[in-house]
Amino acid sequence: MSAGYLTERQIEILKSLRDKADEGTKQLLGRAIGGTLPRGDIEAVCQAINNEYLMKGIKEDYTPSEYGRELEDLLDVVNRPRIV
């Protein structure tokens, strides 16, 4: 995954997730930010983003909030190397 695909906002979100993650996930999120995340570790980063989405990205009516849509976009970017 190349860091060139991440927007400043996406990097900001990943840094926020990194700051509150366990040590192993911190390293993976750091690699995602730096553009050096191995394909085999994409799932773990997607899980961290998805956990954030479930906790803070949906409204009471289960539709995505603005932050939730940002997380969805970030998931798409991070997961793209596994799809192509």
C-alpha atoms as a PDB file:
ATOM      1  CA  MET A   1       0.000   0.000   0.000  1.00  0.00           C
ATOM      2  CA  SER A   2       1.388   3.379  -0.971  1.00  0.00           C
ATOM      3  CA  ALA A   3       1.023   6.375   1.327  1.00  0.00           C
ATOM      4  CA  GLY A   4       0.447   8.489  -1.789  1.00  0.00           C
ATOM      5  CA  TYR A   5      -3.099   7.169  -1.942  1.00  0.00           C
ATOM      6  CA  LEU A   6      -3.999   8.544   1.481  1.00  0.00           C
ATOM      7  CA  THR A   7      -5.441  11.996   1.969  1.00  0.00           C
ATOM      8  CA  GLU A   8      -4.312  14.183   4.857  1.00  0.00           C
ATOM      9  CA  ARG A   9      -7.613  13.438   6.591  1.00  0.00           C
ATOM     10  CA  GLN A  10      -7.137   9.688   6.169  1.00  0.00           C
ATOM     11  CA  ILE A  11      -3.647   9.942   7.632  1.00  0.00           C
ATOM     12  CA  GLU A  12      -5.092  11.925  10.534  1.00  0.00           C
ATOM     13  CA  ILE A  13      -7.675   9.195  11.188  1.00  0.00           C
ATOM     14  CA  LEU A  14      -5.031   6.448  11.039  1.00  0.00           C
ATOM     15  CA  LYS A  15      -2.840   8.378  13.483  1.00  0.00           C
ATOM     16  CA  SER A  16      -5.784   8.746  15.846  1.00  0.00           C
ATOM     17  CA  LEU A  17      -6.454   5.009  15.668  1.00  0.00           C
ATOM     18  CA  ARG A  18      -2.756   4.281  16.167  1.00  0.00           C
ATOM     19  CA  ASP A  19      -2.603   6.434  19.282  1.00  0.00           C
ATOM     20  CA  LYS A  20      -5.211   4.322  21.056  1.00  0.00           C
ATOM     21  CA  ALA A  21      -4.279   0.875  19.679  1.00  0.00           C
ATOM     22  CA  ASP A  22      -2.388  -2.009  21.239  1.00  0.00           C
ATOM     23  CA  GLU A  23       1.319  -2.337  20.381  1.00  0.00           C
ATOM     24  CA  GLY A  24       0.915  -4.770  17.477  1.00  0.00           C
ATOM     25  CA  THR A  25      -1.817  -2.738  15.853  1.00  0.00           C
ATOM     26  CA  LYS A  26       0.150   0.480  16.435  1.00  0.00           C
ATOM     27  CA  GLN A  27       2.970  -0.907  14.306  1.00  0.00           C
ATOM     28  CA  LEU A  28       0.614  -1.934  11.527  1.00  0.00           C
ATOM     29  CA  LEU A  29      -1.164   1.420  11.513  1.00  0.00           C
ATOM     30  CA  GLY A  30       2.233   3.125  11.396  1.00  0.00           C
ATOM     31  CA  ARG A  31       3.131   1.042   8.364  1.00  0.00           C
ATOM     32  CA  ALA A  32      -0.175   1.954   6.719  1.00  0.00           C
ATOM     33  CA  ILE A  33       0.562   5.637   7.335  1.00  0.00           C
ATOM     34  CA  GLY A  34       4.068   5.231   5.933  1.00  0.00           C
ATOM     35  CA  GLY A  35       2.905   3.298   2.891  1.00  0.00           C
ATOM     36  CA  THR A  36       4.802   0.146   3.808  1.00  0.00           C
ATOM     37  CA  LEU A  37       1.939  -2.091   4.955  1.00  0.00           C
ATOM     38  CA  PRO A  38       2.438  -5.636   3.639  1.00  0.00           C
ATOM     39  CA  ARG A  39      -0.537  -7.171   1.840  1.00  0.00           C
ATOM     40  CA  GLY A  40      -0.794  -9.862   4.520  1.00  0.00           C
ATOM     41  CA  ASP A  41      -1.414  -7.247   7.222  1.00  0.00           C
ATOM     42  CA  ILE A  42      -4.191  -5.359   5.461  1.00  0.00           C
ATOM     43  CA  GLU A  43      -6.901  -7.397   7.201  1.00  0.00           C
ATOM     44  CA  ALA A  44      -5.721  -6.340  10.664  1.00  0.00           C
ATOM     45  CA  VAL A  45      -5.723  -2.649   9.715  1.00  0.00           C
ATOM     46  CA  CYS A  46      -9.166  -2.995   8.126  1.00  0.00           C
ATOM     47  CA  GLN A  47     -10.390  -4.584  11.362  1.00  0.00           C
ATOM     48  CA  ALA A  48      -9.120  -1.619  13.383  1.00  0.00           C
ATOM     49  CA  ILE A  49     -10.900   0.791  11.039  1.00  0.00           C
ATOM     50  CA  ASN A  50     -14.063  -1.308  11.126  1.00  0.00           C
ATOM     51  CA  ASN A  51     -14.038  -1.372  14.937  1.00  0.00           C
ATOM     52  CA  GLU A  52     -13.872   2.426  14.932  1.00  0.00           C
ATOM     53  CA  TYR A  53     -16.732   2.527  12.446  1.00  0.00           C
ATOM     54  CA  LEU A  54     -18.906   0.341  14.650  1.00  0.00           C
ATOM     55  CA  MET A  55     -18.164   2.432  17.751  1.00  0.00           C
ATOM     56  CA  LYS A  56     -18.212   5.965  16.318  1.00  0.00           C
ATOM     57  CA  GLY A  57     -19.191   5.882  12.668  1.00  0.00           C
ATOM     58  CA  ILE A  58     -22.897   5.147  12.728  1.00  0.00           C
ATOM     59  CA  LYS A  59     -25.895   7.105  13.872  1.00  0.00           C
ATOM     60  CA  GLU A  60     -28.678   5.775  16.088  1.00  0.00           C
ATOM     61  CA  ASP A  61     -30.656   4.799  12.977  1.00  0.00           C
ATOM     62  CA  TYR A  62     -27.652   2.701  11.812  1.00  0.00           C
ATOM     63  CA  THR A  63     -26.811   4.960   8.876  1.00  0.00           C
ATOM     64  CA  PRO A  64     -23.229   6.174   8.559  1.00  0.00           C
ATOM     65  CA  SER A  65     -22.366   9.536  10.040  1.00  0.00           C
ATOM     66  CA  GLU A  66     -20.008  11.875   8.187  1.00  0.00           C
ATOM     67  CA  TYR A  67     -17.136  10.306  10.137  1.00  0.00           C
ATOM     68  CA  GLY A  68     -18.502   6.883   9.233  1.00  0.00           C
ATOM     69  CA  ARG A  69     -18.378   7.770   5.539  1.00  0.00           C
ATOM     70  CA  GLU A  70     -14.773   8.882   5.986  1.00  0.00           C
ATOM     71  CA  LEU A  71     -13.998   5.525   7.589  1.00  0.00           C
ATOM     72  CA  GLU A  72     -15.722   3.697   4.716  1.00  0.00           C
ATOM     73  CA  ASP A  73     -13.570   5.603   2.217  1.00  0.00           C
ATOM     74  CA  LEU A  74     -10.463   4.811   4.249  1.00  0.00           C
ATOM     75  CA  LEU A  75     -11.386   1.119   4.287  1.00  0.00           C
ATOM     76  CA  ASP A  76     -11.683   1.201   0.501  1.00  0.00           C
ATOM     77  CA  VAL A  77      -8.225   2.731   0.130  1.00  0.00           C
ATOM     78  CA  VAL A  78      -6.523   0.409   2.613  1.00  0.00           C
ATOM     79  CA  ASN A  79      -8.205  -2.706   1.206  1.00  0.00           C
ATOM     80  CA  ARG A  80      -7.650  -1.827  -2.486  1.00  0.00           C
ATOM     81  CA  PRO A  81      -4.382  -3.834  -2.883  1.00  0.00           C
ATOM     82  CA  ARG A  82      -6.228  -7.018  -1.911  1.00  0.00           C
ATOM     83  CA  ILE A  83      -8.897  -6.446  -4.537  1.00  0.00           C
ATOM     84  CA  VAL A  84      -6.798  -5.621  -7.605  1.00  0.00           C
END
